[in-house]
Amino acid sequence: SVVAGLDGGVKRLSEINMGLAAIFMVFLLLAG
Protein backbone atom coordinates (compact mmCIF):
# COMPACT_ATOMS: atom_id res chain seq x y z
CA SER A 1 0.00 0.00 0.00
CA VAL A 2 2.90 2.34 0.78
CA VAL A 3 4.34 1.74 -2.69
CA ALA A 4 0.94 2.59 -4.22
CA GLY A 5 1.04 6.05 -2.61
CA LEU A 6 -1.56 8.31 -0.96
CA ASP A 7 -4.19 8.28 -3.70
CA GLY A 8 -3.70 4.72 -4.87
CA GLY A 9 -3.19 3.13 -1.45
CA VAL A 10 -4.32 5.02 1.64
CA LYS A 11 -7.31 6.80 0.10
CA ARG A 12 -8.71 3.72 -1.62
CA LEU A 13 -8.24 1.43 1.37
CA SER A 14 -9.76 4.03 3.72
CA GLU A 15 -12.88 4.38 1.58
CA ILE A 16 -13.29 0.58 1.24
CA ASN A 17 -12.79 0.08 4.95
CA MET A 18 -15.19 2.83 5.99
CA GLY A 19 -17.87 1.47 3.65
CA LEU A 20 -17.51 -2.07 4.97
CA ALA A 21 -17.37 -0.84 8.59
CA ALA A 22 -20.61 1.10 8.04
CA ILE A 23 -22.34 -2.01 6.66
CA PHE A 24 -21.01 -4.06 9.59
CA MET A 25 -22.30 -1.53 12.12
CA VAL A 26 -25.71 -1.10 10.49
CA PHE A 27 -26.23 -4.87 10.40
CA LEU A 28 -25.49 -5.17 14.13
CA LEU A 29 -27.79 -2.22 14.81
CA LEU A 30 -30.69 -3.84 12.94
CA ALA A 31 -30.02 -7.44 14.03
CA GLY A 32 -29.39 -6.47 17.66
Full PDB file with SEQRES, HELIX, SHEET, SSBOND, CRYST1, ORIGX, SCALE, CONECT and MASTER records, all heavy atoms in Angstrom:
SEQRES   1 A   32  SER VAL VAL ALA GLY LEU ASP GLY GLY VAL LYS ARG LEU          
SEQRES   2 A   32  SER GLU ILE ASN MET GLY LEU ALA ALA ILE PHE MET VAL          
SEQRES   3 A   32  PHE LEU LEU LEU ALA GLY                                      
HELIX    1 AA1 GLY A    5  GLY A    5  1                                   1    
HELIX    2 AA2 LEU A    6  LYS A   11  3                                   6    
HELIX    3 AA3 ARG A   12  ALA A   31  1                                  20    
CRYST1    1.000    1.000    1.000  90.00  90.00  90.00 P 1           1          
ORIGX1      1.000000  0.000000  0.000000        0.00000                         
ORIGX2      0.000000  1.000000  0.000000        0.00000                         
ORIGX3      0.000000  0.000000  1.000000        0.00000                         
SCALE1      1.000000  0.000000  0.000000        0.00000                         
SCALE2      0.000000  1.000000  0.000000        0.00000                         
SCALE3      0.000000  0.000000  1.000000        0.00000                         
ATOM      1  N   SER A   1       0.824  -1.203   0.000  1.00  0.00           N  
ATOM      2  CA  SER A   1       0.000   0.000   0.000  1.00  0.00           C  
ATOM      3  C   SER A   1       0.862   1.258   0.000  1.00  0.00           C  
ATOM      4  O   SER A   1       0.535   2.249  -0.653  1.00  0.00           O  
ATOM      5  CB  SER A   1      -0.929  -0.004   1.227  1.00  0.00           C  
ATOM      6  OG  SER A   1      -1.703   1.166   1.279  1.00  0.00           O  
ATOM      7  N   VAL A   2       1.980   1.209   0.734  1.00  0.00           N  
ATOM      8  CA  VAL A   2       2.902   2.345   0.783  1.00  0.00           C  
ATOM      9  C   VAL A   2       3.446   2.631  -0.606  1.00  0.00           C  
ATOM     10  O   VAL A   2       3.547   3.790  -1.036  1.00  0.00           O  
ATOM     11  CB  VAL A   2       4.051   2.052   1.763  1.00  0.00           C  
ATOM     12  CG1 VAL A   2       5.212   3.014   1.530  1.00  0.00           C  
ATOM     13  CG2 VAL A   2       3.562   2.187   3.190  1.00  0.00           C  
ATOM     14  N   VAL A   3       3.800   1.582  -1.334  1.00  0.00           N  
ATOM     15  CA  VAL A   3       4.340   1.743  -2.686  1.00  0.00           C  
ATOM     16  C   VAL A   3       3.304   2.381  -3.604  1.00  0.00           C  
ATOM     17  O   VAL A   3       3.624   3.188  -4.471  1.00  0.00           O  
ATOM     18  CB  VAL A   3       4.801   0.384  -3.240  1.00  0.00           C  
ATOM     19  CG1 VAL A   3       5.201   0.507  -4.714  1.00  0.00           C  
ATOM     20  CG2 VAL A   3       5.970  -0.157  -2.433  1.00  0.00           C  
ATOM     21  N   ALA A   4       2.009   2.050  -3.380  1.00  0.00           N  
ATOM     22  CA  ALA A   4       0.939   2.586  -4.218  1.00  0.00           C  
ATOM     23  C   ALA A   4       0.727   4.080  -4.012  1.00  0.00           C  
ATOM     24  O   ALA A   4       0.190   4.759  -4.884  1.00  0.00           O  
ATOM     25  CB  ALA A   4      -0.361   1.835  -3.939  1.00  0.00           C  
ATOM     26  N   GLY A   5       1.144   4.619  -2.854  1.00  0.00           N  
ATOM     27  CA  GLY A   5       1.044   6.052  -2.610  1.00  0.00           C  
ATOM     28  C   GLY A   5      -0.247   6.463  -1.935  1.00  0.00           C  
ATOM     29  O   GLY A   5      -1.112   5.629  -1.631  1.00  0.00           O  
ATOM     30  N   LEU A   6      -0.419   7.781  -1.706  1.00  0.00           N  
ATOM     31  CA  LEU A   6      -1.556   8.312  -0.956  1.00  0.00           C  
ATOM     32  C   LEU A   6      -2.876   8.081  -1.679  1.00  0.00           C  
ATOM     33  O   LEU A   6      -3.844   7.595  -1.105  1.00  0.00           O  
ATOM     34  CB  LEU A   6      -1.355   9.808  -0.697  1.00  0.00           C  
ATOM     35  CG  LEU A   6      -2.405  10.496   0.175  1.00  0.00           C  
ATOM     36  CD1 LEU A   6      -2.419   9.895   1.559  1.00  0.00           C  
ATOM     37  CD2 LEU A   6      -2.131  11.988   0.241  1.00  0.00           C  
ATOM     38  N   ASP A   7      -2.940   8.421  -2.966  1.00  0.00           N  
ATOM     39  CA  ASP A   7      -4.193   8.276  -3.703  1.00  0.00           C  
ATOM     40  C   ASP A   7      -4.496   6.818  -4.021  1.00  0.00           C  
ATOM     41  O   ASP A   7      -5.615   6.353  -3.874  1.00  0.00           O  
ATOM     42  CB  ASP A   7      -4.139   9.083  -5.010  1.00  0.00           C  
ATOM     43  CG  ASP A   7      -4.228  10.577  -4.751  1.00  0.00           C  
ATOM     44  OD1 ASP A   7      -5.133  10.977  -4.024  1.00  0.00           O  
ATOM     45  OD2 ASP A   7      -3.382  11.327  -5.252  1.00  0.00           O  
ATOM     46  N   GLY A   8      -3.475   6.088  -4.477  1.00  0.00           N  
ATOM     47  CA  GLY A   8      -3.704   4.716  -4.873  1.00  0.00           C  
ATOM     48  C   GLY A   8      -3.830   3.760  -3.714  1.00  0.00           C  
ATOM     49  O   GLY A   8      -4.496   2.732  -3.818  1.00  0.00           O  
ATOM     50  N   GLY A   9      -3.175   4.049  -2.574  1.00  0.00           N  
ATOM     51  CA  GLY A   9      -3.186   3.130  -1.446  1.00  0.00           C  
ATOM     52  C   GLY A   9      -4.074   3.577  -0.312  1.00  0.00           C  
ATOM     53  O   GLY A   9      -5.147   3.016  -0.079  1.00  0.00           O  
ATOM     54  N   VAL A  10      -3.635   4.606   0.424  1.00  0.00           N  
ATOM     55  CA  VAL A  10      -4.325   5.020   1.643  1.00  0.00           C  
ATOM     56  C   VAL A  10      -5.762   5.446   1.367  1.00  0.00           C  
ATOM     57  O   VAL A  10      -6.695   5.008   2.045  1.00  0.00           O  
ATOM     58  CB  VAL A  10      -3.549   6.170   2.328  1.00  0.00           C  
ATOM     59  CG1 VAL A  10      -4.263   6.602   3.593  1.00  0.00           C  
ATOM     60  CG2 VAL A  10      -2.126   5.749   2.632  1.00  0.00           C  
ATOM     61  N   LYS A  11      -5.964   6.290   0.377  1.00  0.00           N  
ATOM     62  CA  LYS A  11      -7.308   6.797   0.103  1.00  0.00           C  
ATOM     63  C   LYS A  11      -8.261   5.662  -0.261  1.00  0.00           C  
ATOM     64  O   LYS A  11      -9.367   5.552   0.279  1.00  0.00           O  
ATOM     65  CB  LYS A  11      -7.252   7.820  -1.032  1.00  0.00           C  
ATOM     66  CG  LYS A  11      -8.623   8.356  -1.438  1.00  0.00           C  
ATOM     67  CD  LYS A  11      -8.522   9.258  -2.647  1.00  0.00           C  
ATOM     68  CE  LYS A  11      -9.912   9.669  -3.133  1.00  0.00           C  
ATOM     69  NZ  LYS A  11      -9.840  10.484  -4.360  1.00  0.00           N  
ATOM     70  N   ARG A  12      -7.837   4.792  -1.166  1.00  0.00           N  
ATOM     71  CA  ARG A  12      -8.714   3.716  -1.617  1.00  0.00           C  
ATOM     72  C   ARG A  12      -9.034   2.741  -0.491  1.00  0.00           C  
ATOM     73  O   ARG A  12     -10.182   2.350  -0.293  1.00  0.00           O  
ATOM     74  CB  ARG A  12      -8.044   2.986  -2.789  1.00  0.00           C  
ATOM     75  CG  ARG A  12      -8.941   1.972  -3.477  1.00  0.00           C  
ATOM     76  CD  ARG A  12      -8.285   1.475  -4.747  1.00  0.00           C  
ATOM     77  NE  ARG A  12      -8.005   2.590  -5.656  1.00  0.00           N  
ATOM     78  CZ  ARG A  12      -7.218   2.491  -6.746  1.00  0.00           C  
ATOM     79  NH1 ARG A  12      -6.649   1.335  -7.024  1.00  0.00           N  
ATOM     80  NH2 ARG A  12      -7.026   3.533  -7.520  1.00  0.00           N  
ATOM     81  N   LEU A  13      -8.018   2.349   0.264  1.00  0.00           N  
ATOM     82  CA  LEU A  13      -8.243   1.431   1.374  1.00  0.00           C  
ATOM     83  C   LEU A  13      -9.143   2.050   2.438  1.00  0.00           C  
ATOM     84  O   LEU A  13      -9.996   1.377   3.025  1.00  0.00           O  
ATOM     85  CB  LEU A  13      -6.904   1.018   1.997  1.00  0.00           C  
ATOM     86  CG  LEU A  13      -6.103  -0.047   1.242  1.00  0.00           C  
ATOM     87  CD1 LEU A  13      -4.743  -0.240   1.902  1.00  0.00           C  
ATOM     88  CD2 LEU A  13      -6.854  -1.370   1.190  1.00  0.00           C  
ATOM     89  N   SER A  14      -8.944   3.351   2.717  1.00  0.00           N  
ATOM     90  CA  SER A  14      -9.765   4.030   3.716  1.00  0.00           C  
ATOM     91  C   SER A  14     -11.229   4.034   3.312  1.00  0.00           C  
ATOM     92  O   SER A  14     -12.124   3.786   4.130  1.00  0.00           O  
ATOM     93  CB  SER A  14      -9.268   5.465   3.927  1.00  0.00           C  
ATOM     94  OG  SER A  14      -7.957   5.487   4.445  1.00  0.00           O  
ATOM     95  N   GLU A  15     -11.498   4.321   2.041  1.00  0.00           N  
ATOM     96  CA  GLU A  15     -12.876   4.377   1.578  1.00  0.00           C  
ATOM     97  C   GLU A  15     -13.522   2.988   1.617  1.00  0.00           C  
ATOM     98  O   GLU A  15     -14.680   2.832   2.035  1.00  0.00           O  
ATOM     99  CB  GLU A  15     -12.920   4.953   0.161  1.00  0.00           C  
ATOM    100  CG  GLU A  15     -12.561   6.442   0.103  1.00  0.00           C  
ATOM    101  CD  GLU A  15     -12.510   6.971  -1.314  1.00  0.00           C  
ATOM    102  OE1 GLU A  15     -12.273   6.166  -2.244  1.00  0.00           O  
ATOM    103  OE2 GLU A  15     -12.698   8.185  -1.503  1.00  0.00           O  
ATOM    104  N   ILE A  16     -12.767   1.949   1.193  1.00  0.00           N  
ATOM    105  CA  ILE A  16     -13.293   0.584   1.238  1.00  0.00           C  
ATOM    106  C   ILE A  16     -13.587   0.174   2.682  1.00  0.00           C  
ATOM    107  O   ILE A  16     -14.644  -0.388   2.996  1.00  0.00           O  
ATOM    108  CB  ILE A  16     -12.288  -0.403   0.597  1.00  0.00           C  
ATOM    109  CG1 ILE A  16     -12.180  -0.146  -0.905  1.00  0.00           C  
ATOM    110  CG2 ILE A  16     -12.701  -1.849   0.865  1.00  0.00           C  
ATOM    111  CD1 ILE A  16     -11.089  -0.943  -1.586  1.00  0.00           C  
ATOM    112  N   ASN A  17     -12.637   0.484   3.562  1.00  0.00           N  
ATOM    113  CA  ASN A  17     -12.786   0.077   4.952  1.00  0.00           C  
ATOM    114  C   ASN A  17     -13.949   0.793   5.633  1.00  0.00           C  
ATOM    115  O   ASN A  17     -14.711   0.184   6.393  1.00  0.00           O  
ATOM    116  CB  ASN A  17     -11.488   0.365   5.711  1.00  0.00           C  
ATOM    117  CG  ASN A  17     -11.176  -0.706   6.722  1.00  0.00           C  
ATOM    118  OD1 ASN A  17     -11.452  -1.879   6.484  1.00  0.00           O  
ATOM    119  ND2 ASN A  17     -10.603  -0.332   7.846  1.00  0.00           N  
ATOM    120  N   MET A  18     -14.097   2.086   5.374  1.00  0.00           N  
ATOM    121  CA  MET A  18     -15.193   2.829   5.988  1.00  0.00           C  
ATOM    122  C   MET A  18     -16.545   2.333   5.477  1.00  0.00           C  
ATOM    123  O   MET A  18     -17.516   2.226   6.230  1.00  0.00           O  
ATOM    124  CB  MET A  18     -15.037   4.326   5.697  1.00  0.00           C  
ATOM    125  CG  MET A  18     -13.937   5.010   6.498  1.00  0.00           C  
ATOM    126  SD  MET A  18     -14.223   4.979   8.291  1.00  0.00           S  
ATOM    127  CE  MET A  18     -13.185   3.611   8.758  1.00  0.00           C  
ATOM    128  N   GLY A  19     -16.618   1.992   4.183  1.00  0.00           N  
ATOM    129  CA  GLY A  19     -17.868   1.471   3.646  1.00  0.00           C  
ATOM    130  C   GLY A  19     -18.234   0.139   4.270  1.00  0.00           C  
ATOM    131  O   GLY A  19     -19.392  -0.087   4.665  1.00  0.00           O  
ATOM    132  N   LEU A  20     -17.263  -0.758   4.374  1.00  0.00           N  
ATOM    133  CA  LEU A  20     -17.513  -2.065   4.970  1.00  0.00           C  
ATOM    134  C   LEU A  20     -17.827  -1.944   6.459  1.00  0.00           C  
ATOM    135  O   LEU A  20     -18.705  -2.650   6.979  1.00  0.00           O  
ATOM    136  CB  LEU A  20     -16.296  -2.971   4.760  1.00  0.00           C  
ATOM    137  CG  LEU A  20     -16.455  -4.437   5.181  1.00  0.00           C  
ATOM    138  CD1 LEU A  20     -17.622  -5.080   4.449  1.00  0.00           C  
ATOM    139  CD2 LEU A  20     -15.167  -5.207   4.922  1.00  0.00           C  
ATOM    140  N   ALA A  21     -17.113  -1.043   7.155  1.00  0.00           N  
ATOM    141  CA  ALA A  21     -17.375  -0.835   8.586  1.00  0.00           C  
ATOM    142  C   ALA A  21     -18.792  -0.310   8.807  1.00  0.00           C  
ATOM    143  O   ALA A  21     -19.472  -0.711   9.758  1.00  0.00           O  
ATOM    144  CB  ALA A  21     -16.354   0.143   9.171  1.00  0.00           C  
ATOM    145  N   ALA A  22     -19.252   0.570   7.921  1.00  0.00           N  
ATOM    146  CA  ALA A  22     -20.611   1.104   8.038  1.00  0.00           C  
ATOM    147  C   ALA A  22     -21.645  -0.004   7.856  1.00  0.00           C  
ATOM    148  O   ALA A  22     -22.634  -0.082   8.599  1.00  0.00           O  
ATOM    149  CB  ALA A  22     -20.830   2.211   7.007  1.00  0.00           C  
ATOM    150  N   ILE A  23     -21.425  -0.890   6.873  1.00  0.00           N  
ATOM    151  CA  ILE A  23     -22.341  -2.010   6.659  1.00  0.00           C  
ATOM    152  C   ILE A  23     -22.353  -2.934   7.874  1.00  0.00           C  
ATOM    153  O   ILE A  23     -23.410  -3.394   8.331  1.00  0.00           O  
ATOM    154  CB  ILE A  23     -21.931  -2.785   5.385  1.00  0.00           C  
ATOM    155  CG1 ILE A  23     -22.105  -1.891   4.148  1.00  0.00           C  
ATOM    156  CG2 ILE A  23     -22.748  -4.065   5.248  1.00  0.00           C  
ATOM    157  CD1 ILE A  23     -21.548  -2.500   2.871  1.00  0.00           C  
ATOM    158  N   PHE A  24     -21.159  -3.211   8.406  1.00  0.00           N  
ATOM    159  CA  PHE A  24     -21.014  -4.062   9.586  1.00  0.00           C  
ATOM    160  C   PHE A  24     -21.793  -3.479  10.764  1.00  0.00           C  
ATOM    161  O   PHE A  24     -22.556  -4.181  11.444  1.00  0.00           O  
ATOM    162  CB  PHE A  24     -19.521  -4.163   9.908  1.00  0.00           C  
ATOM    163  CG  PHE A  24     -19.159  -5.152  10.978  1.00  0.00           C  
ATOM    164  CD1 PHE A  24     -19.873  -6.325  11.149  1.00  0.00           C  
ATOM    165  CD2 PHE A  24     -18.078  -4.921  11.814  1.00  0.00           C  
ATOM    166  CE1 PHE A  24     -19.527  -7.251  12.127  1.00  0.00           C  
ATOM    167  CE2 PHE A  24     -17.717  -5.827  12.791  1.00  0.00           C  
ATOM    168  CZ  PHE A  24     -18.448  -6.997  12.954  1.00  0.00           C  
ATOM    169  N   MET A  25     -21.644  -2.189  10.993  1.00  0.00           N  
ATOM    170  CA  MET A  25     -22.300  -1.532  12.122  1.00  0.00           C  
ATOM    171  C   MET A  25     -23.820  -1.501  11.945  1.00  0.00           C  
ATOM    172  O   MET A  25     -24.573  -1.781  12.896  1.00  0.00           O  
ATOM    173  CB  MET A  25     -21.762  -0.106  12.279  1.00  0.00           C  
ATOM    174  CG  MET A  25     -22.350   0.660  13.450  1.00  0.00           C  
ATOM    175  SD  MET A  25     -21.777   2.363  13.520  1.00  0.00           S  
ATOM    176  CE  MET A  25     -22.603   3.051  12.073  1.00  0.00           C  
ATOM    177  N   VAL A  26     -24.270  -1.170  10.739  1.00  0.00           N  
ATOM    178  CA  VAL A  26     -25.711  -1.096  10.488  1.00  0.00           C  
ATOM    179  C   VAL A  26     -26.360  -2.465  10.666  1.00  0.00           C  
ATOM    180  O   VAL A  26     -27.473  -2.587  11.211  1.00  0.00           O  
ATOM    181  CB  VAL A  26     -25.986  -0.533   9.075  1.00  0.00           C  
ATOM    182  CG1 VAL A  26     -27.460  -0.672   8.717  1.00  0.00           C  
ATOM    183  CG2 VAL A  26     -25.562   0.928   9.002  1.00  0.00           C  
ATOM    184  N   PHE A  27     -25.673  -3.522  10.220  1.00  0.00           N  
ATOM    185  CA  PHE A  27     -26.229  -4.870  10.399  1.00  0.00           C  
ATOM    186  C   PHE A  27     -26.405  -5.198  11.878  1.00  0.00           C  
ATOM    187  O   PHE A  27     -27.452  -5.709  12.288  1.00  0.00           O  
ATOM    188  CB  PHE A  27     -25.322  -5.907   9.743  1.00  0.00           C  
ATOM    189  CG  PHE A  27     -25.797  -7.325   9.954  1.00  0.00           C  
ATOM    190  CD1 PHE A  27     -26.780  -7.868   9.139  1.00  0.00           C  
ATOM    191  CD2 PHE A  27     -25.271  -8.107  10.978  1.00  0.00           C  
ATOM    192  CE1 PHE A  27     -27.233  -9.166   9.336  1.00  0.00           C  
ATOM    193  CE2 PHE A  27     -25.719  -9.405  11.189  1.00  0.00           C  
ATOM    194  CZ  PHE A  27     -26.710  -9.932  10.365  1.00  0.00           C  
ATOM    195  N   LEU A  28     -25.386  -4.904  12.697  1.00  0.00           N  
ATOM    196  CA  LEU A  28     -25.493  -5.170  14.135  1.00  0.00           C  
ATOM    197  C   LEU A  28     -26.594  -4.329  14.772  1.00  0.00           C  
ATOM    198  O   LEU A  28     -27.292  -4.781  15.680  1.00  0.00           O  
ATOM    199  CB  LEU A  28     -24.156  -4.899  14.824  1.00  0.00           C  
ATOM    200  CG  LEU A  28     -23.001  -5.844  14.502  1.00  0.00           C  
ATOM    201  CD1 LEU A  28     -21.772  -5.491  15.334  1.00  0.00           C  
ATOM    202  CD2 LEU A  28     -23.390  -7.292  14.753  1.00  0.00           C  
ATOM    203  N   LEU A  29     -26.743  -3.091  14.277  1.00  0.00           N  
ATOM    204  CA  LEU A  29     -27.793  -2.217  14.806  1.00  0.00           C  
ATOM    205  C   LEU A  29     -29.177  -2.809  14.532  1.00  0.00           C  
ATOM    206  O   LEU A  29     -30.055  -2.826  15.412  1.00  0.00           O  
ATOM    207  CB  LEU A  29     -27.675  -0.826  14.182  1.00  0.00           C  
ATOM    208  CG  LEU A  29     -28.789   0.176  14.501  1.00  0.00           C  
ATOM    209  CD1 LEU A  29     -28.822   0.480  15.998  1.00  0.00           C  
ATOM    210  CD2 LEU A  29     -28.605   1.454  13.698  1.00  0.00           C  
ATOM    211  N   LEU A  30     -29.384  -3.321  13.316  1.00  0.00           N  
ATOM    212  CA  LEU A  30     -30.688  -3.843  12.937  1.00  0.00           C  
ATOM    213  C   LEU A  30     -30.929  -5.245  13.492  1.00  0.00           C  
ATOM    214  O   LEU A  30     -32.056  -5.584  13.875  1.00  0.00           O  
ATOM    215  CB  LEU A  30     -30.823  -3.861  11.405  1.00  0.00           C  
ATOM    216  CG  LEU A  30     -30.743  -2.494  10.719  1.00  0.00           C  
ATOM    217  CD1 LEU A  30     -30.840  -2.656   9.211  1.00  0.00           C  
ATOM    218  CD2 LEU A  30     -31.836  -1.562  11.226  1.00  0.00           C  
ATOM    219  N   ALA A  31     -29.870  -6.065  13.541  1.00  0.00           N  
ATOM    220  CA  ALA A  31     -30.022  -7.441  14.034  1.00  0.00           C  
ATOM    221  C   ALA A  31     -30.016  -7.511  15.552  1.00  0.00           C  
ATOM    222  O   ALA A  31     -30.491  -8.484  16.137  1.00  0.00           O  
ATOM    223  CB  ALA A  31     -28.905  -8.322  13.473  1.00  0.00           C  
ATOM    224  N   GLY A  32     -29.482  -6.479  16.214  1.00  0.00           N  
ATOM    225  CA  GLY A  32     -29.392  -6.465  17.659  1.00  0.00           C  
ATOM    226  C   GLY A  32     -30.555  -5.720  18.298  1.00  0.00           C  
ATOM    227  O   GLY A  32     -31.596  -5.496  17.668  1.00  0.00           O  
TER     228      GLY A  32                                                      
MASTER        0    0    0    3    0    0    0    6  227    1    0    3          
END                                                                             
